[in-house]
Amino acid sequence: AHTQKSVPTRIDTLLTEAERAFARKRLTTPLDDNAYYRYLQVLSREPENSAARQGIQQIVETYLAWSIAAIEAGQYRRATDMLNKARSVDELHLSIEALENRIEQAQMSRSDAFKLDQRALTGRGEAVIGKLHEIGRSAERHKARVRIVAATDADGRWIYQQLNAASLNRIRAIIELGSPPGILLTYP
């Protein structure tokens, strides 16, 4: 008995290409090689294709998750960009309006920035420890979101430990590598 190998259909090929593009984070760009484009090609041939519909939903959910992460990092322009990309794929998605409001609220919330001296950080002296403890108490008292910018991962972790040493509850913080070193407190 001779078995015939099944040849992948055009739809199977497009779905595979869409999944590959998605895995490479090519959700809607570049224009001619992205997951969304491939899923639309499938839907133009088979309007009820559930894999393509689910793939498009995953694209929207990914953009929304990226937008939320950007809000939490205080990157409001990026949050808006990601939200707009989600909207371009599915303008009627139920989470879009709520997330748009969340970005606006985050942008209007008050924040304080504290610059840190790199030499003082490197020396780990009492003056910088005192300043960090004061910032930690303030962050806890005001339930602030905390973003730490440090030149090295070790500095970032040390700053985080000092903030926590001064507070009763564990402070949640995002650590970014960068310069100049500092701390941003954003109040709800």
N, C-alpha and C. Protein backbone atom coordinates (compact mmCIF):
# COMPACT_ATOMS: atom_id res chain seq x y z
N ALA A 1 0.85 -1.18 0.00
CA ALA A 1 0.00 0.00 0.00
C ALA A 1 0.89 1.24 0.00
N HIS A 2 0.64 2.12 -0.91
CA HIS A 2 1.43 3.34 -1.05
C HIS A 2 0.66 4.48 -0.39
N THR A 3 1.32 5.13 0.63
CA THR A 3 0.64 6.25 1.29
C THR A 3 1.10 7.55 0.67
N GLN A 4 0.16 8.43 0.49
CA GLN A 4 0.47 9.72 -0.11
C GLN A 4 0.66 10.75 1.00
N LYS A 5 1.79 11.48 0.94
CA LYS A 5 2.03 12.54 1.93
C LYS A 5 1.07 13.68 1.65
N SER A 6 0.50 14.23 2.71
CA SER A 6 -0.40 15.36 2.49
C SER A 6 0.45 16.62 2.24
N VAL A 7 0.10 17.31 1.21
CA VAL A 7 0.80 18.53 0.85
C VAL A 7 0.17 19.68 1.63
N PRO A 8 1.01 20.51 2.31
CA PRO A 8 0.40 21.61 3.07
C PRO A 8 -0.35 22.56 2.14
N THR A 9 -1.52 22.95 2.58
CA THR A 9 -2.32 23.88 1.79
C THR A 9 -1.74 25.29 1.93
N ARG A 10 -2.20 26.20 1.10
CA ARG A 10 -1.75 27.61 1.18
C ARG A 10 -2.10 28.18 2.56
N ILE A 11 -3.24 27.80 3.08
CA ILE A 11 -3.66 28.29 4.39
C ILE A 11 -2.72 27.78 5.47
N ASP A 12 -2.36 26.48 5.41
CA ASP A 12 -1.41 25.93 6.39
C ASP A 12 -0.08 26.68 6.33
N THR A 13 0.37 26.96 5.13
CA THR A 13 1.64 27.68 4.95
C THR A 13 1.55 29.08 5.54
N LEU A 14 0.46 29.78 5.25
CA LEU A 14 0.29 31.14 5.79
C LEU A 14 0.22 31.13 7.31
N LEU A 15 -0.46 30.14 7.88
CA LEU A 15 -0.55 30.06 9.34
C LEU A 15 0.82 29.79 9.96
N THR A 16 1.60 28.93 9.33
CA THR A 16 2.95 28.65 9.81
C THR A 16 3.81 29.91 9.73
N GLU A 17 3.71 30.62 8.61
CA GLU A 17 4.48 31.87 8.45
C GLU A 17 4.03 32.91 9.49
N ALA A 18 2.74 32.97 9.77
CA ALA A 18 2.22 33.92 10.77
C ALA A 18 2.77 33.58 12.15
N GLU A 19 2.79 32.30 12.50
CA GLU A 19 3.31 31.89 13.80
C GLU A 19 4.80 32.22 13.92
N ARG A 20 5.53 32.01 12.83
CA ARG A 20 6.97 32.34 12.83
C ARG A 20 7.18 33.84 13.03
N ALA A 21 6.40 34.64 12.31
CA ALA A 21 6.50 36.10 12.44
C ALA A 21 6.14 36.53 13.88
N PHE A 22 5.10 35.92 14.43
CA PHE A 22 4.69 36.24 15.80
C PHE A 22 5.82 35.92 16.78
N ALA A 23 6.43 34.75 16.63
CA ALA A 23 7.52 34.33 17.52
C ALA A 23 8.70 35.30 17.44
N ARG A 24 8.88 35.93 16.27
CA ARG A 24 9.98 36.90 16.09
C ARG A 24 9.52 38.32 16.44
N LYS A 25 8.36 38.44 17.08
CA LYS A 25 7.78 39.72 17.50
C LYS A 25 7.52 40.65 16.31
N ARG A 26 7.27 40.08 15.16
CA ARG A 26 6.89 40.85 13.97
C ARG A 26 5.36 40.79 13.89
N LEU A 27 4.74 41.54 14.78
CA LEU A 27 3.28 41.46 14.89
C LEU A 27 2.58 42.20 13.75
N THR A 28 2.96 43.46 13.53
CA THR A 28 2.33 44.24 12.45
C THR A 28 3.36 44.92 11.55
N THR A 29 4.62 44.75 11.85
CA THR A 29 5.69 45.30 11.01
C THR A 29 6.79 44.26 10.88
N PRO A 30 7.59 44.29 9.81
CA PRO A 30 7.51 45.17 8.66
C PRO A 30 6.24 44.89 7.83
N LEU A 31 5.89 45.84 7.00
CA LEU A 31 4.61 45.83 6.31
C LEU A 31 4.27 44.51 5.62
N ASP A 32 5.20 43.92 4.91
CA ASP A 32 4.88 42.73 4.10
C ASP A 32 5.34 41.42 4.74
N ASP A 33 5.88 41.48 5.96
CA ASP A 33 6.33 40.26 6.62
C ASP A 33 6.00 40.32 8.11
N ASN A 34 4.71 40.19 8.40
CA ASN A 34 4.29 40.22 9.80
C ASN A 34 3.13 39.25 10.01
N ALA A 35 2.89 38.92 11.26
CA ALA A 35 1.86 37.94 11.61
C ALA A 35 0.47 38.41 11.21
N TYR A 36 0.16 39.67 11.48
CA TYR A 36 -1.17 40.21 11.17
C TYR A 36 -1.49 40.10 9.68
N TYR A 37 -0.53 40.46 8.85
CA TYR A 37 -0.70 40.39 7.38
C TYR A 37 -1.01 38.96 6.96
N ARG A 38 -0.28 38.00 7.51
CA ARG A 38 -0.49 36.60 7.16
C ARG A 38 -1.88 36.12 7.62
N TYR A 39 -2.27 36.51 8.85
CA TYR A 39 -3.59 36.10 9.33
C TYR A 39 -4.70 36.71 8.45
N LEU A 40 -4.51 37.95 8.02
CA LEU A 40 -5.51 38.57 7.13
C LEU A 40 -5.59 37.83 5.80
N GLN A 41 -4.43 37.37 5.31
CA GLN A 41 -4.44 36.60 4.07
C GLN A 41 -5.25 35.30 4.23
N VAL A 42 -5.10 34.66 5.39
CA VAL A 42 -5.87 33.44 5.66
C VAL A 42 -7.36 33.79 5.69
N LEU A 43 -7.72 34.86 6.41
CA LEU A 43 -9.14 35.22 6.53
C LEU A 43 -9.75 35.65 5.20
N SER A 44 -8.93 36.16 4.28
CA SER A 44 -9.48 36.53 2.97
C SER A 44 -9.86 35.27 2.18
N ARG A 45 -9.19 34.16 2.48
CA ARG A 45 -9.51 32.89 1.81
C ARG A 45 -10.56 32.10 2.59
N GLU A 46 -10.49 32.19 3.92
CA GLU A 46 -11.36 31.42 4.80
C GLU A 46 -11.82 32.32 5.95
N PRO A 47 -12.87 33.13 5.75
CA PRO A 47 -13.27 34.15 6.73
C PRO A 47 -13.53 33.63 8.15
N GLU A 48 -13.85 32.38 8.31
CA GLU A 48 -14.16 31.86 9.64
C GLU A 48 -13.01 31.06 10.25
N ASN A 49 -11.82 31.14 9.68
CA ASN A 49 -10.68 30.36 10.17
C ASN A 49 -10.36 30.72 11.62
N SER A 50 -10.54 29.76 12.52
CA SER A 50 -10.39 30.04 13.95
C SER A 50 -8.94 30.28 14.35
N ALA A 51 -8.00 29.61 13.69
CA ALA A 51 -6.58 29.82 14.03
C ALA A 51 -6.16 31.25 13.69
N ALA A 52 -6.61 31.77 12.57
CA ALA A 52 -6.27 33.14 12.18
C ALA A 52 -6.94 34.15 13.11
N ARG A 53 -8.21 33.89 13.43
CA ARG A 53 -8.92 34.80 14.35
C ARG A 53 -8.24 34.80 15.73
N GLN A 54 -7.85 33.63 16.20
CA GLN A 54 -7.16 33.53 17.49
C GLN A 54 -5.79 34.20 17.42
N GLY A 55 -5.10 34.06 16.31
CA GLY A 55 -3.80 34.70 16.13
C GLY A 55 -3.91 36.22 16.20
N ILE A 56 -4.92 36.77 15.56
CA ILE A 56 -5.14 38.22 15.60
C ILE A 56 -5.44 38.66 17.03
N GLN A 57 -6.23 37.85 17.74
CA GLN A 57 -6.53 38.17 19.14
C GLN A 57 -5.25 38.17 19.98
N GLN A 58 -4.35 37.23 19.71
CA GLN A 58 -3.06 37.15 20.43
C GLN A 58 -2.21 38.39 20.15
N ILE A 59 -2.26 38.89 18.92
CA ILE A 59 -1.51 40.10 18.57
C ILE A 59 -2.01 41.26 19.43
N VAL A 60 -3.33 41.43 19.48
CA VAL A 60 -3.93 42.52 20.27
C VAL A 60 -3.55 42.38 21.74
N GLU A 61 -3.68 41.17 22.28
CA GLU A 61 -3.37 40.93 23.69
C GLU A 61 -1.89 41.22 23.98
N THR A 62 -1.02 40.89 23.05
CA THR A 62 0.41 41.15 23.24
C THR A 62 0.67 42.65 23.28
N TYR A 63 0.09 43.40 22.35
CA TYR A 63 0.26 44.85 22.36
C TYR A 63 -0.30 45.46 23.65
N LEU A 64 -1.43 44.96 24.11
CA LEU A 64 -2.01 45.48 25.35
C LEU A 64 -1.08 45.18 26.54
N ALA A 65 -0.51 43.98 26.58
CA ALA A 65 0.43 43.63 27.66
C ALA A 65 1.67 44.52 27.61
N TRP A 66 2.17 44.78 26.40
CA TRP A 66 3.33 45.67 26.26
C TRP A 66 2.98 47.08 26.71
N SER A 67 1.76 47.51 26.43
CA SER A 67 1.32 48.84 26.85
C SER A 67 1.28 48.93 28.37
N ILE A 68 0.75 47.91 29.02
CA ILE A 68 0.68 47.89 30.48
C ILE A 68 2.09 47.91 31.08
N ALA A 69 2.99 47.11 30.52
CA ALA A 69 4.38 47.09 31.01
C ALA A 69 5.02 48.47 30.87
N ALA A 70 4.73 49.15 29.77
CA ALA A 70 5.29 50.49 29.55
C ALA A 70 4.72 51.49 30.56
N ILE A 71 3.44 51.38 30.87
CA ILE A 71 2.84 52.26 31.89
C ILE A 71 3.57 52.05 33.21
N GLU A 72 3.75 50.80 33.59
CA GLU A 72 4.40 50.49 34.86
C GLU A 72 5.84 50.97 34.90
N ALA A 73 6.47 51.09 33.74
CA ALA A 73 7.85 51.59 33.67
C ALA A 73 7.88 53.12 33.53
N GLY A 74 6.70 53.74 33.49
CA GLY A 74 6.64 55.20 33.34
C GLY A 74 6.93 55.66 31.92
N GLN A 75 6.83 54.75 30.96
CA GLN A 75 7.10 55.07 29.55
C GLN A 75 5.76 55.29 28.83
N TYR A 76 5.20 56.48 29.05
CA TYR A 76 3.83 56.72 28.59
C TYR A 76 3.72 56.85 27.07
N ARG A 77 4.74 57.38 26.43
CA ARG A 77 4.70 57.47 24.97
C ARG A 77 4.69 56.06 24.36
N ARG A 78 5.56 55.18 24.90
CA ARG A 78 5.58 53.80 24.41
C ARG A 78 4.25 53.10 24.72
N ALA A 79 3.69 53.35 25.90
CA ALA A 79 2.41 52.75 26.27
C ALA A 79 1.33 53.15 25.26
N THR A 80 1.33 54.43 24.89
CA THR A 80 0.35 54.92 23.91
C THR A 80 0.61 54.31 22.54
N ASP A 81 1.87 54.20 22.14
CA ASP A 81 2.20 53.58 20.85
C ASP A 81 1.69 52.14 20.79
N MET A 82 1.93 51.38 21.86
CA MET A 82 1.49 49.98 21.89
C MET A 82 -0.04 49.89 21.88
N LEU A 83 -0.70 50.79 22.61
CA LEU A 83 -2.15 50.82 22.62
C LEU A 83 -2.69 51.13 21.21
N ASN A 84 -2.05 52.08 20.53
CA ASN A 84 -2.49 52.43 19.18
C ASN A 84 -2.28 51.28 18.20
N LYS A 85 -1.22 50.50 18.41
CA LYS A 85 -1.02 49.32 17.55
C LYS A 85 -2.11 48.29 17.80
N ALA A 86 -2.47 48.10 19.07
CA ALA A 86 -3.57 47.18 19.39
C ALA A 86 -4.86 47.67 18.73
N ARG A 87 -5.10 48.98 18.83
CA ARG A 87 -6.31 49.58 18.24
C ARG A 87 -6.34 49.40 16.72
N SER A 88 -5.16 49.49 16.08
CA SER A 88 -5.11 49.35 14.62
C SER A 88 -5.47 47.93 14.18
N VAL A 89 -5.29 46.97 15.07
CA VAL A 89 -5.63 45.58 14.75
C VAL A 89 -7.10 45.30 15.10
N ASP A 90 -7.57 45.82 16.24
CA ASP A 90 -8.95 45.59 16.66
C ASP A 90 -9.44 46.80 17.45
N GLU A 91 -10.01 47.77 16.74
CA GLU A 91 -10.41 49.01 17.40
C GLU A 91 -11.57 48.83 18.38
N LEU A 92 -12.25 47.70 18.32
CA LEU A 92 -13.40 47.48 19.20
C LEU A 92 -13.06 46.62 20.42
N HIS A 93 -11.79 46.28 20.61
CA HIS A 93 -11.40 45.44 21.74
C HIS A 93 -11.83 46.10 23.05
N LEU A 94 -12.39 45.31 23.94
CA LEU A 94 -12.98 45.84 25.17
C LEU A 94 -11.99 46.52 26.10
N SER A 95 -10.72 46.14 26.07
CA SER A 95 -9.74 46.70 27.01
C SER A 95 -9.15 48.03 26.57
N ILE A 96 -9.35 48.41 25.33
CA ILE A 96 -8.66 49.60 24.79
C ILE A 96 -9.04 50.88 25.53
N GLU A 97 -10.32 51.11 25.72
CA GLU A 97 -10.74 52.36 26.38
C GLU A 97 -10.24 52.43 27.82
N ALA A 98 -10.33 51.32 28.54
CA ALA A 98 -9.87 51.30 29.93
C ALA A 98 -8.36 51.55 30.01
N LEU A 99 -7.62 50.98 29.09
CA LEU A 99 -6.17 51.16 29.09
C LEU A 99 -5.80 52.60 28.71
N GLU A 100 -6.56 53.17 27.80
CA GLU A 100 -6.34 54.57 27.42
C GLU A 100 -6.53 55.47 28.65
N ASN A 101 -7.58 55.20 29.44
CA ASN A 101 -7.81 55.97 30.68
C ASN A 101 -6.67 55.76 31.67
N ARG A 102 -6.18 54.53 31.75
CA ARG A 102 -5.09 54.23 32.68
C ARG A 102 -3.82 55.01 32.31
N ILE A 103 -3.54 55.12 31.02
CA ILE A 103 -2.37 55.89 30.57
C ILE A 103 -2.55 57.36 30.95
N GLU A 104 -3.73 57.91 30.69
CA GLU A 104 -3.99 59.32 31.02
C GLU A 104 -3.82 59.57 32.52
N GLN A 105 -4.37 58.68 33.35
CA GLN A 105 -4.24 58.82 34.81
C GLN A 105 -2.78 58.75 35.23
N ALA A 106 -2.05 57.81 34.64
CA ALA A 106 -0.63 57.66 35.00
C ALA A 106 0.16 58.91 34.62
N GLN A 107 -0.17 59.50 33.48
CA GLN A 107 0.53 60.71 33.05
C GLN A 107 0.22 61.89 33.96
N MET A 108 -0.99 61.92 34.51
CA MET A 108 -1.38 63.04 35.36
C MET A 108 -0.91 62.86 36.81
N SER A 109 -0.52 61.63 37.16
CA SER A 109 -0.11 61.42 38.54
C SER A 109 1.20 62.15 38.83
N ARG A 110 1.36 62.53 40.06
CA ARG A 110 2.52 63.29 40.47
C ARG A 110 3.71 62.36 40.64
N SER A 111 4.90 62.91 40.41
CA SER A 111 6.10 62.10 40.62
C SER A 111 7.24 62.98 41.13
N ASP A 112 8.19 62.33 41.79
CA ASP A 112 9.40 62.99 42.27
C ASP A 112 10.60 62.23 41.74
N ALA A 113 11.59 62.98 41.29
CA ALA A 113 12.82 62.36 40.80
C ALA A 113 13.96 62.71 41.75
N PHE A 114 14.75 61.72 42.07
CA PHE A 114 15.90 61.90 42.95
C PHE A 114 17.16 61.50 42.19
N LYS A 115 18.07 62.45 42.03
CA LYS A 115 19.35 62.14 41.39
C LYS A 115 20.30 61.59 42.44
N LEU A 116 21.09 60.63 42.02
CA LEU A 116 22.07 60.03 42.93
C LEU A 116 23.47 60.25 42.35
N ASP A 117 24.43 60.48 43.22
CA ASP A 117 25.80 60.68 42.81
C ASP A 117 26.48 59.32 42.64
N GLN A 118 27.04 59.07 41.45
CA GLN A 118 27.66 57.77 41.17
C GLN A 118 28.80 57.46 42.14
N ARG A 119 29.61 58.46 42.46
CA ARG A 119 30.73 58.21 43.39
C ARG A 119 30.21 57.82 44.77
N ALA A 120 29.15 58.50 45.22
CA ALA A 120 28.57 58.17 46.53
C ALA A 120 28.01 56.75 46.52
N LEU A 121 27.37 56.37 45.39
CA LEU A 121 26.83 55.01 45.28
C LEU A 121 27.96 53.98 45.35
N THR A 122 29.02 54.24 44.61
CA THR A 122 30.15 53.32 44.58
C THR A 122 30.76 53.17 45.97
N GLY A 123 30.82 54.28 46.73
CA GLY A 123 31.39 54.26 48.08
C GLY A 123 30.48 53.64 49.12
N ARG A 124 29.18 53.55 48.82
CA ARG A 124 28.21 52.95 49.74
C ARG A 124 28.26 53.59 51.14
N GLY A 125 28.47 54.90 51.18
CA GLY A 125 28.63 55.61 52.45
C GLY A 125 27.33 55.88 53.17
N GLU A 126 27.47 56.37 54.42
CA GLU A 126 26.32 56.65 55.29
C GLU A 126 25.39 57.71 54.71
N ALA A 127 25.94 58.73 54.04
CA ALA A 127 25.10 59.82 53.52
C ALA A 127 24.14 59.28 52.45
N VAL A 128 24.65 58.47 51.53
CA VAL A 128 23.79 57.94 50.47
C VAL A 128 22.81 56.92 51.05
N ILE A 129 23.23 56.15 52.03
CA ILE A 129 22.33 55.19 52.68
C ILE A 129 21.18 55.94 53.36
N GLY A 130 21.51 57.03 54.06
CA GLY A 130 20.48 57.84 54.71
C GLY A 130 19.47 58.40 53.72
N LYS A 131 19.98 58.90 52.59
CA LYS A 131 19.11 59.46 51.56
C LYS A 131 18.20 58.36 51.00
N LEU A 132 18.75 57.18 50.74
CA LEU A 132 17.95 56.08 50.18
C LEU A 132 16.90 55.60 51.19
N HIS A 133 17.24 55.57 52.46
CA HIS A 133 16.26 55.18 53.48
C HIS A 133 15.10 56.18 53.52
N GLU A 134 15.45 57.46 53.42
CA GLU A 134 14.42 58.51 53.40
C GLU A 134 13.50 58.33 52.19
N ILE A 135 14.08 58.07 51.02
CA ILE A 135 13.28 57.85 49.80
C ILE A 135 12.41 56.61 49.97
N GLY A 136 12.97 55.55 50.56
CA GLY A 136 12.21 54.32 50.78
C GLY A 136 11.01 54.55 51.69
N ARG A 137 11.20 55.32 52.77
CA ARG A 137 10.07 55.62 53.66
C ARG A 137 9.00 56.42 52.94
N SER A 138 9.44 57.37 52.12
CA SER A 138 8.49 58.19 51.35
C SER A 138 7.72 57.33 50.35
N ALA A 139 8.43 56.44 49.67
CA ALA A 139 7.78 55.55 48.69
C ALA A 139 6.72 54.70 49.37
N GLU A 140 7.05 54.18 50.54
CA GLU A 140 6.10 53.35 51.27
C GLU A 140 4.91 54.17 51.76
N ARG A 141 5.18 55.32 52.35
CA ARG A 141 4.13 56.17 52.91
C ARG A 141 3.12 56.58 51.84
N HIS A 142 3.61 56.90 50.66
CA HIS A 142 2.73 57.38 49.58
C HIS A 142 2.30 56.29 48.60
N LYS A 143 2.70 55.04 48.89
CA LYS A 143 2.37 53.92 48.00
C LYS A 143 2.80 54.23 46.56
N ALA A 144 4.00 54.75 46.43
CA ALA A 144 4.52 55.17 45.12
C ALA A 144 5.02 53.98 44.31
N ARG A 145 4.92 54.12 42.99
CA ARG A 145 5.61 53.19 42.08
C ARG A 145 7.05 53.66 42.03
N VAL A 146 7.99 52.73 42.02
CA VAL A 146 9.41 53.08 42.12
C VAL A 146 10.15 52.59 40.88
N ARG A 147 10.89 53.50 40.28
CA ARG A 147 11.77 53.14 39.16
C ARG A 147 13.18 53.56 39.54
N ILE A 148 14.09 52.60 39.54
CA ILE A 148 15.49 52.83 39.89
C ILE A 148 16.30 52.80 38.60
N VAL A 149 17.14 53.82 38.41
CA VAL A 149 18.08 53.81 37.28
C VAL A 149 19.47 53.72 37.89
N ALA A 150 20.23 52.71 37.44
CA ALA A 150 21.57 52.49 37.98
C ALA A 150 22.51 52.08 36.86
N ALA A 151 23.80 52.39 37.06
CA ALA A 151 24.80 52.07 36.04
C ALA A 151 25.03 50.56 35.91
N THR A 152 24.92 49.85 37.02
CA THR A 152 25.14 48.40 36.99
C THR A 152 24.01 47.69 37.71
N ASP A 153 23.88 46.41 37.42
CA ASP A 153 22.87 45.60 38.09
C ASP A 153 23.15 45.57 39.60
N ALA A 154 24.43 45.47 39.97
CA ALA A 154 24.80 45.43 41.40
C ALA A 154 24.37 46.72 42.10
N ASP A 155 24.60 47.88 41.47
CA ASP A 155 24.16 49.15 42.05
C ASP A 155 22.64 49.18 42.20
N GLY A 156 21.94 48.75 41.15
CA GLY A 156 20.48 48.74 41.19
C GLY A 156 19.95 47.89 42.33
N ARG A 157 20.52 46.71 42.50
CA ARG A 157 20.09 45.82 43.58
C ARG A 157 20.41 46.42 44.95
N TRP A 158 21.57 47.04 45.06
CA TRP A 158 21.97 47.65 46.34
C TRP A 158 21.01 48.80 46.70
N ILE A 159 20.71 49.65 45.70
CA ILE A 159 19.76 50.74 45.94
C ILE A 159 18.42 50.17 46.40
N TYR A 160 17.95 49.14 45.70
CA TYR A 160 16.68 48.50 46.05
C TYR A 160 16.71 47.97 47.49
N GLN A 161 17.81 47.33 47.89
CA GLN A 161 17.94 46.81 49.27
C GLN A 161 17.86 47.95 50.29
N GLN A 162 18.49 49.08 49.97
CA GLN A 162 18.46 50.22 50.90
C GLN A 162 17.05 50.79 51.03
N LEU A 163 16.33 50.88 49.90
CA LEU A 163 14.95 51.38 49.96
C LEU A 163 14.10 50.47 50.84
N ASN A 164 14.27 49.16 50.67
CA ASN A 164 13.50 48.20 51.44
C ASN A 164 13.88 48.18 52.91
N ALA A 165 15.15 48.45 53.21
CA ALA A 165 15.62 48.41 54.60
C ALA A 165 14.90 49.44 55.45
N ALA A 166 14.41 50.51 54.82
CA ALA A 166 13.77 51.59 55.57
C ALA A 166 12.26 51.45 55.65
N SER A 167 11.69 50.46 54.98
CA SER A 167 10.23 50.35 54.97
C SER A 167 9.77 49.05 55.61
N LEU A 168 8.57 49.07 56.12
CA LEU A 168 8.02 47.89 56.78
C LEU A 168 7.55 46.86 55.76
N ASN A 169 7.01 47.35 54.66
CA ASN A 169 6.53 46.47 53.61
C ASN A 169 7.53 46.46 52.47
N ARG A 170 7.55 45.35 51.74
CA ARG A 170 8.46 45.24 50.61
C ARG A 170 8.03 46.21 49.52
N ILE A 171 8.98 46.99 49.05
CA ILE A 171 8.71 47.95 47.98
C ILE A 171 8.85 47.23 46.64
N ARG A 172 7.91 47.50 45.75
CA ARG A 172 8.01 46.96 44.39
C ARG A 172 8.69 48.01 43.54
N ALA A 173 9.69 47.59 42.79
CA ALA A 173 10.44 48.55 41.98
C ALA A 173 10.84 47.93 40.66
N ILE A 174 11.05 48.79 39.70
CA ILE A 174 11.60 48.39 38.41
C ILE A 174 13.02 48.95 38.38
N ILE A 175 13.97 48.11 38.00
CA ILE A 175 15.36 48.56 37.90
C ILE A 175 15.73 48.63 36.42
N GLU A 176 16.24 49.80 36.03
CA GLU A 176 16.71 49.99 34.66
C GLU A 176 18.19 50.31 34.70
N LEU A 177 18.92 49.76 33.75
CA LEU A 177 20.33 50.13 33.66
C LEU A 177 20.42 51.41 32.84
N GLY A 178 21.17 52.37 33.35
CA GLY A 178 21.30 53.64 32.64
C GLY A 178 22.10 54.64 33.44
N SER A 179 22.16 55.83 32.90
CA SER A 179 22.92 56.89 33.54
C SER A 179 22.22 58.21 33.22
N PRO A 180 22.19 59.16 34.11
CA PRO A 180 22.75 59.17 35.45
C PRO A 180 21.88 58.34 36.39
N PRO A 181 22.45 57.88 37.52
CA PRO A 181 21.67 57.08 38.46
C PRO A 181 20.62 57.94 39.17
N GLY A 182 19.50 57.32 39.48
CA GLY A 182 18.45 58.05 40.18
C GLY A 182 17.28 57.17 40.51
N ILE A 183 16.29 57.77 41.15
CA ILE A 183 15.07 57.07 41.54
C ILE A 183 13.89 57.97 41.16
N LEU A 184 12.87 57.37 40.56
CA LEU A 184 11.64 58.09 40.23
C LEU A 184 10.52 57.47 41.04
N LEU A 185 9.86 58.30 41.84
CA LEU A 185 8.67 57.87 42.57
C LEU A 185 7.46 58.46 41.88
N THR A 186 6.50 57.62 41.52
CA THR A 186 5.27 58.08 40.90
C THR A 186 4.13 57.75 41.83
N TYR A 187 3.36 58.77 42.18
CA TYR A 187 2.31 58.61 43.17
C TYR A 187 0.98 58.37 42.50
N PRO A 188 0.16 57.48 43.11
CA PRO A 188 -1.16 57.19 42.51
C PRO A 188 -2.11 58.37 42.62
